[in-house]
Amino acid sequence: MQLTISPDNPLEWLALRANLVPIPLLHAQIMPVLAKAVLEAADKGVFEATSDAPQTLDNLTCSLNLNRKALGELMGLLTAMGYFTYRNELFSLTPMARRFMLKNDPMSVYGMMIFNNRVVWDWMNHLGDYLQTGQGIQYHDTLSANQWHYYQEAMAAATTTEAREFGRRAPVPKSATRMLDIGGSHGQHSVALCRKLPALTATILDLPQAIEQAAPLLAQQGMGNRIIHQPGNALNDDFGQNEFDIVLLSSLAHHFTSEQNQLVTQKVAQALRPGGVFIVNEFIRPQLGAKPDLVGSSTDLFYGLSSTAGNYSVKEIQHWQQLAGLTSHKVVRYRTIPGRAMVVAKK
C-alpha cells in the first residue's frame, strides 16, 4: 500500500511519464493544505455536524459559527478528498469519513486529529533545526498535562485498527497467563490478547504522566483487574526473572537509541519464561534502495524529529533479540497498517 500521485486519464499519464508534472509543487503546496484541512475540520466539528443528517452550507455555517466563504472552500476540498459527497446542495459524510472521523465510532482516529492539530503541527517548524543538529524535540520531557491528555487520546485512536489485527495475528502461546506491556498506556493490545486468551492477565508499565491520562481509557474497556497499570520507566526498572509468557514493546523502540533498546531487550530476556515471546511492534525503516515505503520513511523522519531516535530495520531489531539470547521466530507484517510489523523472538 503506497501513497502515490496517480493520473486520471491518458494525457495525465503521458505527462507523468514525460516528467512534465512538477511533483515537488504538489508535495510542497498541495499536500500540506490537504493535511491541515482535515485536521482543522475535525477540530472545528465539521464531521460531527454532519453525523446525523446531510447539511447545507448555510446550516453548517450557522451551527459551527464559521465564515461562510471559508467554510465553503474547506467543504469543497474535503469533498474532493473523499470525505463528503455533495448532492442537491447537501453535504453528506462518505462511509470512510463516517467510520474514521466521528468521535464515537469504534475505529475513529479523531483523537489523533486533535493531537496533530493542537500539538504536533508546530513541531514541524523544528525540522530545519533537527537537520542541522540531529537533536529532536524529546517531547515526553515537555508535554503539559493537557498535552498528555491529547497524546493519550491520539495513541488510543491510532491503535484501534491495529489492536484488532494484533489480537488476531500475534503469535503468542495459547497457554500464556502473564503479559508485560511496556509503554502500553491505553492498553488496547493487552485487551485484545486478554479477550482472546481467557487465562491471561497483563501489567502495563508506563510513565506516571501517561498512566494518569490513559487510566480512564483502559477503564472503558471493562477488563477489571485482569489488566493493571504499573508506574515506572522501561530504561530504569527491573522486569523480574521468569515472570512473563508475553512481553510487548509497542511503539516505544522508536523513542530509544539502539543501545537503550538493547538494554531493554536484555531485561526482557531475563523476564521471559521458557517458551515465552518478545514482540517488538513498530513501523519499520526501509533500507535505502529497497522498495519505496512512504509510511516507513516518513515515520522514521518524524520520530527522529520528535524523539531523536527513529525507526529501525527488522534486522536491527532481531540483532537486539539475538544478542540477548533470544531466537528469532516470526515477522508479521500488518495488512491494515502499511509499513508496520511485529518482530517476534522466543526464549
C-alpha atoms as a PDB file:
ATOM      1  CA  MET A   1       0.000   0.000   0.000  1.00  0.00           C
ATOM      2  CA  GLN A   2       1.562   3.273  -1.144  1.00  0.00           C
ATOM      3  CA  LEU A   3       0.580   6.947  -1.131  1.00  0.00           C
ATOM      4  CA  THR A   4       1.164   7.996  -4.734  1.00  0.00           C
ATOM      5  CA  ILE A   5       0.305  10.613  -7.351  1.00  0.00           C
ATOM      6  CA  SER A   6      -1.746   8.788  -9.964  1.00  0.00           C
ATOM      7  CA  PRO A   7      -3.143  10.015 -13.311  1.00  0.00           C
ATOM      8  CA  ASP A   8      -6.880  10.239 -14.023  1.00  0.00           C
ATOM      9  CA  ASN A   9      -6.623   9.990 -17.814  1.00  0.00           C
ATOM     10  CA  PRO A  10      -4.167   9.004 -20.599  1.00  0.00           C
ATOM     11  CA  LEU A  11      -2.932  12.572 -21.113  1.00  0.00           C
ATOM     12  CA  GLU A  12      -2.013  12.898 -17.431  1.00  0.00           C
ATOM     13  CA  TRP A  13      -0.301   9.507 -17.628  1.00  0.00           C
ATOM     14  CA  LEU A  14       1.775  10.719 -20.561  1.00  0.00           C
ATOM     15  CA  ALA A  15       2.626  13.947 -18.715  1.00  0.00           C
ATOM     16  CA  LEU A  16       3.861  11.956 -15.716  1.00  0.00           C
ATOM     17  CA  ARG A  17       5.867   9.601 -17.923  1.00  0.00           C
ATOM     18  CA  ALA A  18       7.412  12.554 -19.762  1.00  0.00           C
ATOM     19  CA  ASN A  19       8.417  14.218 -16.476  1.00  0.00           C
ATOM     20  CA  LEU A  20       6.258  17.261 -17.230  1.00  0.00           C
ATOM     21  CA  VAL A  21       4.351  17.278 -13.932  1.00  0.00           C
ATOM     22  CA  PRO A  22       6.030  19.467 -11.240  1.00  0.00           C
ATOM     23  CA  ILE A  23       5.635  16.883  -8.480  1.00  0.00           C
ATOM     24  CA  PRO A  24       7.590  18.981  -5.913  1.00  0.00           C
ATOM     25  CA  LEU A  25       4.860  21.631  -6.206  1.00  0.00           C
ATOM     26  CA  LEU A  26       2.254  19.001  -5.343  1.00  0.00           C
ATOM     27  CA  HIS A  27       4.269  17.883  -2.327  1.00  0.00           C
ATOM     28  CA  ALA A  28       5.097  21.378  -1.104  1.00  0.00           C
ATOM     29  CA  GLN A  29       1.963  23.348  -1.982  1.00  0.00           C
ATOM     30  CA  ILE A  30      -0.943  20.901  -2.132  1.00  0.00           C
ATOM     31  CA  MET A  31      -0.236  18.202   0.432  1.00  0.00           C
ATOM     32  CA  PRO A  32       0.292  20.476   3.466  1.00  0.00           C
ATOM     33  CA  VAL A  33      -3.057  22.125   2.654  1.00  0.00           C
ATOM     34  CA  LEU A  34      -4.753  18.726   2.447  1.00  0.00           C
ATOM     35  CA  ALA A  35      -3.378  17.682   5.826  1.00  0.00           C
ATOM     36  CA  LYS A  36      -4.242  20.915   7.614  1.00  0.00           C
ATOM     37  CA  ALA A  37      -7.737  20.965   6.092  1.00  0.00           C
ATOM     38  CA  VAL A  38      -8.561  17.549   7.569  1.00  0.00           C
ATOM     39  CA  LEU A  39      -7.095  18.473  10.968  1.00  0.00           C
ATOM     40  CA  GLU A  40      -8.990  21.759  11.214  1.00  0.00           C
ATOM     41  CA  ALA A  41     -12.222  20.182  10.006  1.00  0.00           C
ATOM     42  CA  ALA A  42     -12.027  17.632  12.806  1.00  0.00           C
ATOM     43  CA  ASP A  43     -11.069  20.255  15.383  1.00  0.00           C
ATOM     44  CA  LYS A  44     -13.866  22.624  14.327  1.00  0.00           C
ATOM     45  CA  GLY A  45     -16.511  19.883  14.500  1.00  0.00           C
ATOM     46  CA  VAL A  46     -17.308  19.737  10.780  1.00  0.00           C
ATOM     47  CA  PHE A  47     -17.638  15.953  10.686  1.00  0.00           C
ATOM     48  CA  GLU A  48     -19.735  15.763  13.847  1.00  0.00           C
ATOM     49  CA  ALA A  49     -22.060  18.478  12.495  1.00  0.00           C
ATOM     50  CA  THR A  50     -22.978  16.215   9.568  1.00  0.00           C
ATOM     51  CA  SER A  51     -23.201  12.940  11.507  1.00  0.00           C
ATOM     52  CA  ASP A  52     -26.985  12.810  11.954  1.00  0.00           C
ATOM     53  CA  ALA A  53     -28.107  14.120   8.576  1.00  0.00           C
ATOM     54  CA  PRO A  54     -26.782  15.811   5.409  1.00  0.00           C
ATOM     55  CA  GLN A  55     -26.359  19.571   5.806  1.00  0.00           C
ATOM     56  CA  THR A  56     -26.403  22.620   3.584  1.00  0.00           C
ATOM     57  CA  LEU A  57     -23.523  25.056   3.669  1.00  0.00           C
ATOM     58  CA  ASP A  58     -25.765  27.644   5.327  1.00  0.00           C
ATOM     59  CA  ASN A  59     -26.725  25.202   8.092  1.00  0.00           C
ATOM     60  CA  LEU A  60     -23.095  24.304   8.718  1.00  0.00           C
ATOM     61  CA  THR A  61     -22.072  27.953   8.768  1.00  0.00           C
ATOM     62  CA  CYS A  62     -24.706  28.710  11.386  1.00  0.00           C
ATOM     63  CA  SER A  63     -24.187  25.646  13.606  1.00  0.00           C
ATOM     64  CA  LEU A  64     -20.393  25.892  13.589  1.00  0.00           C
ATOM     65  CA  ASN A  65     -20.242  29.707  13.754  1.00  0.00           C
ATOM     66  CA  LEU A  66     -17.705  29.837  10.917  1.00  0.00           C
ATOM     67  CA  ASN A  67     -17.209  32.136   7.944  1.00  0.00           C
ATOM     68  CA  ARG A  68     -19.408  31.004   5.061  1.00  0.00           C
ATOM     69  CA  LYS A  69     -16.890  31.663   2.278  1.00  0.00           C
ATOM     70  CA  ALA A  70     -14.007  29.977   4.086  1.00  0.00           C
ATOM     71  CA  LEU A  71     -16.139  27.016   5.125  1.00  0.00           C
ATOM     72  CA  GLY A  72     -17.369  26.601   1.566  1.00  0.00           C
ATOM     73  CA  GLU A  73     -13.776  26.389   0.362  1.00  0.00           C
ATOM     74  CA  LEU A  74     -12.996  23.814   3.045  1.00  0.00           C
ATOM     75  CA  MET A  75     -16.049  21.707   2.196  1.00  0.00           C
ATOM     76  CA  GLY A  76     -15.156  21.780  -1.481  1.00  0.00           C
ATOM     77  CA  LEU A  77     -11.703  20.442  -0.708  1.00  0.00           C
ATOM     78  CA  LEU A  78     -12.986  17.789   1.708  1.00  0.00           C
ATOM     79  CA  THR A  79     -15.439  16.655  -0.965  1.00  0.00           C
ATOM     80  CA  ALA A  80     -12.615  16.356  -3.493  1.00  0.00           C
ATOM     81  CA  MET A  81     -10.656  14.325  -0.923  1.00  0.00           C
ATOM     82  CA  GLY A  82     -13.478  11.830  -0.456  1.00  0.00           C
ATOM     83  CA  TYR A  83     -14.774  12.849   2.970  1.00  0.00           C
ATOM     84  CA  PHE A  84     -18.099  14.187   1.675  1.00  0.00           C
ATOM     85  CA  THR A  85     -20.433  13.856  -1.246  1.00  0.00           C
ATOM     86  CA  TYR A  86     -22.408  16.874  -2.478  1.00  0.00           C
ATOM     87  CA  ARG A  87     -25.868  16.432  -3.992  1.00  0.00           C
ATOM     88  CA  ASN A  88     -28.882  18.734  -4.087  1.00  0.00           C
ATOM     89  CA  GLU A  89     -26.902  21.359  -2.120  1.00  0.00           C
ATOM     90  CA  LEU A  90     -26.368  18.894   0.739  1.00  0.00           C
ATOM     91  CA  PHE A  91     -23.054  17.652   2.138  1.00  0.00           C
ATOM     92  CA  SER A  92     -23.123  14.010   3.285  1.00  0.00           C
ATOM     93  CA  LEU A  93     -20.393  12.024   5.014  1.00  0.00           C
ATOM     94  CA  THR A  94     -18.896   9.222   2.969  1.00  0.00           C
ATOM     95  CA  PRO A  95     -18.634   5.746   4.587  1.00  0.00           C
ATOM     96  CA  MET A  96     -14.885   6.275   5.040  1.00  0.00           C
ATOM     97  CA  ALA A  97     -15.356   9.575   6.869  1.00  0.00           C
ATOM     98  CA  ARG A  98     -18.200   8.195   8.967  1.00  0.00           C
ATOM     99  CA  ARG A  99     -16.079   5.279  10.150  1.00  0.00           C
ATOM    100  CA  PHE A 100     -12.829   7.085  10.906  1.00  0.00           C
ATOM    101  CA  MET A 101     -13.681  10.732  11.656  1.00  0.00           C
ATOM    102  CA  LEU A 102     -16.647  10.588  14.030  1.00  0.00           C
ATOM    103  CA  LYS A 103     -15.712  10.652  17.719  1.00  0.00           C
ATOM    104  CA  ASN A 104     -17.820   7.714  18.847  1.00  0.00           C
ATOM    105  CA  ASP A 105     -17.104   5.210  16.096  1.00  0.00           C
ATOM    106  CA  PRO A 106     -15.042   2.292  17.474  1.00  0.00           C
ATOM    107  CA  MET A 107     -12.473   2.809  14.690  1.00  0.00           C
ATOM    108  CA  SER A 108     -12.323   6.611  14.941  1.00  0.00           C
ATOM    109  CA  VAL A 109      -8.990   8.415  14.554  1.00  0.00           C
ATOM    110  CA  TYR A 110     -10.458  11.667  15.878  1.00  0.00           C
ATOM    111  CA  GLY A 111      -8.087  11.767  18.853  1.00  0.00           C
ATOM    112  CA  MET A 112      -5.079  11.709  16.542  1.00  0.00           C
ATOM    113  CA  MET A 113      -6.530  14.592  14.523  1.00  0.00           C
ATOM    114  CA  ILE A 114      -6.827  16.785  17.628  1.00  0.00           C
ATOM    115  CA  PHE A 115      -3.330  15.951  18.903  1.00  0.00           C
ATOM    116  CA  ASN A 116      -1.770  16.567  15.496  1.00  0.00           C
ATOM    117  CA  ASN A 117      -3.599  19.859  15.053  1.00  0.00           C
ATOM    118  CA  ARG A 118      -3.090  21.307  18.523  1.00  0.00           C
ATOM    119  CA  VAL A 119       0.358  19.922  19.377  1.00  0.00           C
ATOM    120  CA  VAL A 120       2.252  18.193  16.572  1.00  0.00           C
ATOM    121  CA  TRP A 121       1.731  20.728  13.783  1.00  0.00           C
ATOM    122  CA  ASP A 122       4.043  23.232  15.470  1.00  0.00           C
ATOM    123  CA  TRP A 123       6.756  20.607  15.845  1.00  0.00           C
ATOM    124  CA  MET A 124       7.362  20.610  12.103  1.00  0.00           C
ATOM    125  CA  ASN A 125       8.814  24.115  12.391  1.00  0.00           C
ATOM    126  CA  HIS A 126      11.781  22.498  14.165  1.00  0.00           C
ATOM    127  CA  LEU A 127      12.664  20.169  11.288  1.00  0.00           C
ATOM    128  CA  GLY A 128      15.347  22.529   9.984  1.00  0.00           C
ATOM    129  CA  ASP A 129      16.996  22.664  13.405  1.00  0.00           C
ATOM    130  CA  TYR A 130      16.870  18.863  13.639  1.00  0.00           C
ATOM    131  CA  LEU A 131      18.581  18.509  10.270  1.00  0.00           C
ATOM    132  CA  GLN A 132      21.398  20.797  11.450  1.00  0.00           C
ATOM    133  CA  THR A 133      21.887  19.415  14.950  1.00  0.00           C
ATOM    134  CA  GLY A 134      20.443  15.890  14.931  1.00  0.00           C
ATOM    135  CA  GLN A 135      18.710  16.722  18.216  1.00  0.00           C
ATOM    136  CA  GLY A 136      14.995  16.025  18.333  1.00  0.00           C
ATOM    137  CA  ILE A 137      12.349  17.725  20.423  1.00  0.00           C
ATOM    138  CA  GLN A 138      12.164  14.971  23.086  1.00  0.00           C
ATOM    139  CA  TYR A 139       8.538  15.870  23.641  1.00  0.00           C
ATOM    140  CA  HIS A 140       7.935  13.444  26.518  1.00  0.00           C
ATOM    141  CA  ASP A 141      10.011  15.794  28.660  1.00  0.00           C
ATOM    142  CA  THR A 142       7.977  18.909  27.876  1.00  0.00           C
ATOM    143  CA  LEU A 143       4.315  17.944  27.447  1.00  0.00           C
ATOM    144  CA  SER A 144       1.855  19.784  29.680  1.00  0.00           C
ATOM    145  CA  ALA A 145      -0.915  17.865  31.460  1.00  0.00           C
ATOM    146  CA  ASN A 146      -3.352  18.966  28.763  1.00  0.00           C
ATOM    147  CA  GLN A 147      -0.982  17.849  26.020  1.00  0.00           C
ATOM    148  CA  TRP A 148      -0.522  14.479  27.733  1.00  0.00           C
ATOM    149  CA  HIS A 149      -4.297  14.120  27.533  1.00  0.00           C
ATOM    150  CA  TYR A 150      -4.304  14.851  23.802  1.00  0.00           C
ATOM    151  CA  TYR A 151      -1.371  12.471  23.375  1.00  0.00           C
ATOM    152  CA  GLN A 152      -3.063   9.526  25.073  1.00  0.00           C
ATOM    153  CA  GLU A 153      -6.299  10.110  23.179  1.00  0.00           C
ATOM    154  CA  ALA A 154      -4.243  10.158  19.983  1.00  0.00           C
ATOM    155  CA  MET A 155      -2.385   6.955  20.779  1.00  0.00           C
ATOM    156  CA  ALA A 156      -5.638   5.172  21.548  1.00  0.00           C
ATOM    157  CA  ALA A 157      -7.188   6.428  18.310  1.00  0.00           C
ATOM    158  CA  ALA A 158      -4.159   5.405  16.258  1.00  0.00           C
ATOM    159  CA  THR A 159      -4.146   1.898  17.736  1.00  0.00           C
ATOM    160  CA  THR A 160      -7.782   0.822  17.416  1.00  0.00           C
ATOM    161  CA  THR A 161      -7.487  -0.766  13.970  1.00  0.00           C
ATOM    162  CA  GLU A 162      -4.048  -2.176  14.699  1.00  0.00           C
ATOM    163  CA  ALA A 163      -5.082  -3.748  18.004  1.00  0.00           C
ATOM    164  CA  ARG A 164      -7.792  -5.772  16.300  1.00  0.00           C
ATOM    165  CA  GLU A 165      -5.315  -7.266  13.856  1.00  0.00           C
ATOM    166  CA  PHE A 166      -2.745  -7.696  16.621  1.00  0.00           C
ATOM    167  CA  GLY A 167      -5.220  -9.726  18.640  1.00  0.00           C
ATOM    168  CA  ARG A 168      -5.929 -11.993  15.687  1.00  0.00           C
ATOM    169  CA  ARG A 169      -2.393 -12.484  14.385  1.00  0.00           C
ATOM    170  CA  ALA A 170       0.143 -12.067  17.193  1.00  0.00           C
ATOM    171  CA  PRO A 171       1.984 -15.408  17.571  1.00  0.00           C
ATOM    172  CA  VAL A 172       1.648 -15.948  21.318  1.00  0.00           C
ATOM    173  CA  PRO A 173       1.479 -19.118  23.444  1.00  0.00           C
ATOM    174  CA  LYS A 174      -2.133 -20.218  23.852  1.00  0.00           C
ATOM    175  CA  SER A 175      -1.367 -21.225  27.428  1.00  0.00           C
ATOM    176  CA  ALA A 176       0.012 -17.779  28.379  1.00  0.00           C
ATOM    177  CA  THR A 177      -1.084 -16.446  31.761  1.00  0.00           C
ATOM    178  CA  ARG A 178       1.061 -13.325  32.287  1.00  0.00           C
ATOM    179  CA  MET A 179       1.906 -10.446  29.951  1.00  0.00           C
ATOM    180  CA  LEU A 180       4.082  -7.346  30.342  1.00  0.00           C
ATOM    181  CA  ASP A 181       3.058  -4.465  28.077  1.00  0.00           C
ATOM    182  CA  ILE A 182       5.929  -1.948  28.126  1.00  0.00           C
ATOM    183  CA  GLY A 183       4.712   1.578  27.387  1.00  0.00           C
ATOM    184  CA  GLY A 184       1.217   0.261  26.647  1.00  0.00           C
ATOM    185  CA  SER A 185      -0.658   3.226  28.198  1.00  0.00           C
ATOM    186  CA  HIS A 186      -4.253   2.790  26.881  1.00  0.00           C
ATOM    187  CA  GLY A 187      -3.845  -0.997  26.910  1.00  0.00           C
ATOM    188  CA  GLN A 188      -5.576  -1.846  23.650  1.00  0.00           C
ATOM    189  CA  HIS A 189      -3.019  -4.501  22.689  1.00  0.00           C
ATOM    190  CA  SER A 190      -3.286  -6.120  26.119  1.00  0.00           C
ATOM    191  CA  VAL A 191      -7.061  -6.007  25.916  1.00  0.00           C
ATOM    192  CA  ALA A 192      -7.039  -7.714  22.522  1.00  0.00           C
ATOM    193  CA  LEU A 193      -4.911 -10.605  23.802  1.00  0.00           C
ATOM    194  CA  CYS A 194      -6.725 -10.936  27.139  1.00  0.00           C
ATOM    195  CA  ARG A 195     -10.029 -11.235  25.325  1.00  0.00           C
ATOM    196  CA  LYS A 196      -8.515 -13.924  23.122  1.00  0.00           C
ATOM    197  CA  LEU A 197      -6.815 -15.855  25.954  1.00  0.00           C
ATOM    198  CA  PRO A 198      -9.138 -16.260  28.988  1.00  0.00           C
ATOM    199  CA  ALA A 199      -6.324 -17.125  31.428  1.00  0.00           C
ATOM    200  CA  LEU A 200      -4.127 -14.152  30.506  1.00  0.00           C
ATOM    201  CA  THR A 201      -3.545 -11.138  32.756  1.00  0.00           C
ATOM    202  CA  ALA A 202      -1.422  -8.118  31.821  1.00  0.00           C
ATOM    203  CA  THR A 203       0.648  -5.447  33.524  1.00  0.00           C
ATOM    204  CA  ILE A 204       1.173  -2.183  31.659  1.00  0.00           C
ATOM    205  CA  LEU A 205       4.427  -0.446  32.595  1.00  0.00           C
ATOM    206  CA  ASP A 206       4.378   3.244  31.680  1.00  0.00           C
ATOM    207  CA  LEU A 207       5.362   6.710  32.829  1.00  0.00           C
ATOM    208  CA  PRO A 208       3.193   8.166  35.616  1.00  0.00           C
ATOM    209  CA  GLN A 209       2.127  11.099  33.382  1.00  0.00           C
ATOM    210  CA  ALA A 210       0.935   8.668  30.738  1.00  0.00           C
ATOM    211  CA  ILE A 211      -0.964   6.481  33.199  1.00  0.00           C
ATOM    212  CA  GLU A 212      -2.769   9.483  34.679  1.00  0.00           C
ATOM    213  CA  GLN A 213      -4.316  10.255  31.299  1.00  0.00           C
ATOM    214  CA  ALA A 214      -4.556   6.685  29.975  1.00  0.00           C
ATOM    215  CA  ALA A 215      -6.211   5.042  33.004  1.00  0.00           C
ATOM    216  CA  PRO A 216      -9.717   6.268  32.058  1.00  0.00           C
ATOM    217  CA  LEU A 217      -9.216   4.915  28.528  1.00  0.00           C
ATOM    218  CA  LEU A 218      -8.309   1.481  29.880  1.00  0.00           C
ATOM    219  CA  ALA A 219     -11.239   1.550  32.317  1.00  0.00           C
ATOM    220  CA  GLN A 220     -13.617   1.969  29.381  1.00  0.00           C
ATOM    221  CA  GLN A 221     -12.559  -1.476  28.157  1.00  0.00           C
ATOM    222  CA  GLY A 222     -14.146  -3.120  31.202  1.00  0.00           C
ATOM    223  CA  MET A 223     -11.294  -5.551  31.901  1.00  0.00           C
ATOM    224  CA  GLY A 224     -11.288  -5.024  35.679  1.00  0.00           C
ATOM    225  CA  ASN A 225      -8.161  -6.330  37.434  1.00  0.00           C
ATOM    226  CA  ARG A 226      -7.067  -8.512  34.534  1.00  0.00           C
ATOM    227  CA  ILE A 227      -5.087  -5.549  33.199  1.00  0.00           C
ATOM    228  CA  ILE A 228      -3.386  -3.147  35.594  1.00  0.00           C
ATOM    229  CA  HIS A 229      -1.094  -0.141  35.280  1.00  0.00           C
ATOM    230  CA  GLN A 230       2.306  -0.015  36.957  1.00  0.00           C
ATOM    231  CA  PRO A 231       4.110   3.361  37.044  1.00  0.00           C
ATOM    232  CA  GLY A 232       7.717   3.119  36.000  1.00  0.00           C
ATOM    233  CA  ASN A 233      10.379   3.644  33.373  1.00  0.00           C
ATOM    234  CA  ALA A 234      11.473   0.900  30.978  1.00  0.00           C
ATOM    235  CA  LEU A 235      15.044   2.184  30.959  1.00  0.00           C
ATOM    236  CA  ASN A 236      15.446   2.119  34.740  1.00  0.00           C
ATOM    237  CA  ASP A 237      13.121  -0.555  36.100  1.00  0.00           C
ATOM    238  CA  ASP A 238      13.855  -4.267  36.525  1.00  0.00           C
ATOM    239  CA  PHE A 239      11.298  -6.569  34.883  1.00  0.00           C
ATOM    240  CA  GLY A 240      11.978  -9.570  37.114  1.00  0.00           C
ATOM    241  CA  GLN A 241      13.093 -13.138  36.381  1.00  0.00           C
ATOM    242  CA  ASN A 242      10.981 -15.755  34.538  1.00  0.00           C
ATOM    243  CA  GLU A 243       7.834 -13.728  35.160  1.00  0.00           C
ATOM    244  CA  PHE A 244       6.048 -13.437  31.808  1.00  0.00           C
ATOM    245  CA  ASP A 245       4.894 -15.536  28.870  1.00  0.00           C
ATOM    246  CA  ILE A 246       4.465 -12.481  26.635  1.00  0.00           C
ATOM    247  CA  VAL A 247       6.365  -9.191  26.631  1.00  0.00           C
ATOM    248  CA  LEU A 248       5.252  -6.476  24.230  1.00  0.00           C
ATOM    249  CA  LEU A 249       7.206  -3.354  23.284  1.00  0.00           C
ATOM    250  CA  SER A 250       4.843  -1.419  21.033  1.00  0.00           C
ATOM    251  CA  SER A 251       5.617   1.998  19.535  1.00  0.00           C
ATOM    252  CA  LEU A 252       8.369   2.594  22.061  1.00  0.00           C
ATOM    253  CA  ALA A 253      11.573   1.413  20.383  1.00  0.00           C
ATOM    254  CA  HIS A 254      11.484   4.444  18.082  1.00  0.00           C
ATOM    255  CA  HIS A 255      11.907   6.701  21.133  1.00  0.00           C
ATOM    256  CA  PHE A 256      15.089   4.887  22.273  1.00  0.00           C
ATOM    257  CA  THR A 257      18.612   4.700  20.919  1.00  0.00           C
ATOM    258  CA  SER A 258      19.902   1.329  19.734  1.00  0.00           C
ATOM    259  CA  GLU A 259      21.883   0.984  22.979  1.00  0.00           C
ATOM    260  CA  GLN A 260      18.812   1.690  25.079  1.00  0.00           C
ATOM    261  CA  ASN A 261      16.775  -0.836  23.093  1.00  0.00           C
ATOM    262  CA  GLN A 262      19.498  -3.417  23.677  1.00  0.00           C
ATOM    263  CA  LEU A 263      19.331  -2.724  27.415  1.00  0.00           C
ATOM    264  CA  VAL A 264      15.552  -3.137  27.449  1.00  0.00           C
ATOM    265  CA  THR A 265      15.794  -6.346  25.411  1.00  0.00           C
ATOM    266  CA  GLN A 266      18.318  -7.831  27.858  1.00  0.00           C
ATOM    267  CA  LYS A 267      15.899  -7.206  30.717  1.00  0.00           C
ATOM    268  CA  VAL A 268      13.040  -8.663  28.689  1.00  0.00           C
ATOM    269  CA  ALA A 269      15.021 -11.850  28.025  1.00  0.00           C
ATOM    270  CA  GLN A 270      15.528 -12.312  31.759  1.00  0.00           C
ATOM    271  CA  ALA A 271      11.857 -11.661  32.492  1.00  0.00           C
ATOM    272  CA  LEU A 272      10.529 -14.167  29.944  1.00  0.00           C
ATOM    273  CA  ARG A 273       9.594 -17.685  30.945  1.00  0.00           C
ATOM    274  CA  PRO A 274      10.896 -20.559  28.788  1.00  0.00           C
ATOM    275  CA  GLY A 275       8.856 -20.633  25.579  1.00  0.00           C
ATOM    276  CA  GLY A 276       7.763 -17.034  26.077  1.00  0.00           C
ATOM    277  CA  VAL A 277       7.728 -14.482  23.274  1.00  0.00           C
ATOM    278  CA  PHE A 278       9.021 -10.926  22.939  1.00  0.00           C
ATOM    279  CA  ILE A 279       7.154  -8.819  20.386  1.00  0.00           C
ATOM    280  CA  VAL A 280       8.601  -5.550  19.126  1.00  0.00           C
ATOM    281  CA  ASN A 281       5.700  -3.823  17.397  1.00  0.00           C
ATOM    282  CA  GLU A 282       6.903  -0.937  15.214  1.00  0.00           C
ATOM    283  CA  PHE A 283       6.943   0.955  11.967  1.00  0.00           C
ATOM    284  CA  ILE A 284       9.919  -0.418  10.075  1.00  0.00           C
ATOM    285  CA  ARG A 285      12.601   1.719   8.479  1.00  0.00           C
ATOM    286  CA  PRO A 286      13.018   0.658   4.842  1.00  0.00           C
ATOM    287  CA  GLN A 287      16.535   0.116   3.622  1.00  0.00           C
ATOM    288  CA  LEU A 288      17.887   2.649   1.126  1.00  0.00           C
ATOM    289  CA  GLY A 289      17.489   1.202  -2.354  1.00  0.00           C
ATOM    290  CA  ALA A 290      14.623  -1.066  -1.301  1.00  0.00           C
ATOM    291  CA  LYS A 291      11.031  -0.746  -2.489  1.00  0.00           C
ATOM    292  CA  PRO A 292       9.745   2.775  -1.673  1.00  0.00           C
ATOM    293  CA  ASP A 293       7.742   2.980   1.538  1.00  0.00           C
ATOM    294  CA  LEU A 294       6.402   6.433   2.305  1.00  0.00           C
ATOM    295  CA  VAL A 295       4.897   5.367   5.627  1.00  0.00           C
ATOM    296  CA  GLY A 296       8.074   3.785   6.956  1.00  0.00           C
ATOM    297  CA  SER A 297      10.290   6.591   5.679  1.00  0.00           C
ATOM    298  CA  SER A 298       8.062   9.457   6.852  1.00  0.00           C
ATOM    299  CA  THR A 299       7.581   7.992  10.337  1.00  0.00           C
ATOM    300  CA  ASP A 300      11.347   7.446  10.538  1.00  0.00           C
ATOM    301  CA  LEU A 301      11.965  11.156   9.939  1.00  0.00           C
ATOM    302  CA  PHE A 302       9.098  12.193  12.213  1.00  0.00           C
ATOM    303  CA  TYR A 303      10.275  10.057  15.133  1.00  0.00           C
ATOM    304  CA  GLY A 304      13.777  11.374  14.641  1.00  0.00           C
ATOM    305  CA  LEU A 305      12.441  14.916  14.860  1.00  0.00           C
ATOM    306  CA  SER A 306      10.206  14.222  17.839  1.00  0.00           C
ATOM    307  CA  SER A 307      12.435  11.853  19.835  1.00  0.00           C
ATOM    308  CA  THR A 308      15.882  11.907  18.159  1.00  0.00           C
ATOM    309  CA  ALA A 309      15.910   8.109  17.621  1.00  0.00           C
ATOM    310  CA  GLY A 310      13.633   6.979  14.759  1.00  0.00           C
ATOM    311  CA  ASN A 311      12.572   3.702  13.160  1.00  0.00           C
ATOM    312  CA  TYR A 312      14.698   0.567  12.990  1.00  0.00           C
ATOM    313  CA  SER A 313      15.004  -2.179  10.408  1.00  0.00           C
ATOM    314  CA  VAL A 314      13.840  -5.738  11.049  1.00  0.00           C
ATOM    315  CA  LYS A 315      17.474  -6.882  11.090  1.00  0.00           C
ATOM    316  CA  GLU A 316      18.408  -4.326  13.747  1.00  0.00           C
ATOM    317  CA  ILE A 317      15.519  -5.408  15.998  1.00  0.00           C
ATOM    318  CA  GLN A 318      16.374  -9.077  15.524  1.00  0.00           C
ATOM    319  CA  HIS A 319      20.001  -8.277  16.378  1.00  0.00           C
ATOM    320  CA  TRP A 320      18.977  -6.901  19.799  1.00  0.00           C
ATOM    321  CA  GLN A 321      16.917 -10.009  20.416  1.00  0.00           C
ATOM    322  CA  GLN A 322      19.669 -12.412  19.364  1.00  0.00           C
ATOM    323  CA  LEU A 323      22.328 -10.649  21.465  1.00  0.00           C
ATOM    324  CA  ALA A 324      20.018 -11.078  24.458  1.00  0.00           C
ATOM    325  CA  GLY A 325      19.930 -14.844  23.865  1.00  0.00           C
ATOM    326  CA  LEU A 326      16.521 -14.972  22.225  1.00  0.00           C
ATOM    327  CA  THR A 327      15.726 -16.841  18.998  1.00  0.00           C
ATOM    328  CA  SER A 328      14.176 -15.039  16.037  1.00  0.00           C
ATOM    329  CA  HIS A 329      10.712 -16.503  15.497  1.00  0.00           C
ATOM    330  CA  LYS A 330       8.489 -14.582  13.084  1.00  0.00           C
ATOM    331  CA  VAL A 331       7.994 -11.252  11.342  1.00  0.00           C
ATOM    332  CA  VAL A 332       4.293 -10.469  10.982  1.00  0.00           C
ATOM    333  CA  ARG A 333       3.576  -7.535   8.684  1.00  0.00           C
ATOM    334  CA  TYR A 334       0.260  -5.772   9.197  1.00  0.00           C
ATOM    335  CA  ARG A 335      -2.321  -5.875   6.427  1.00  0.00           C
ATOM    336  CA  THR A 336      -4.232  -2.825   7.678  1.00  0.00           C
ATOM    337  CA  ILE A 337      -1.280  -0.604   8.700  1.00  0.00           C
ATOM    338  CA  PRO A 338       1.273  -0.059   5.909  1.00  0.00           C
ATOM    339  CA  GLY A 339       4.924  -0.188   6.914  1.00  0.00           C
ATOM    340  CA  ARG A 340       4.277  -1.762  10.319  1.00  0.00           C
ATOM    341  CA  ALA A 341       5.292  -5.152  11.671  1.00  0.00           C
ATOM    342  CA  MET A 342       5.617  -7.404  14.717  1.00  0.00           C
ATOM    343  CA  VAL A 343       9.193  -8.672  15.078  1.00  0.00           C
ATOM    344  CA  VAL A 344       8.862 -11.726  17.318  1.00  0.00           C
ATOM    345  CA  ALA A 345      11.514 -13.665  19.220  1.00  0.00           C
ATOM    346  CA  LYS A 346      11.250 -16.671  21.514  1.00  0.00           C
ATOM    347  CA  LYS A 347      13.069 -17.721  24.658  1.00  0.00           C
END
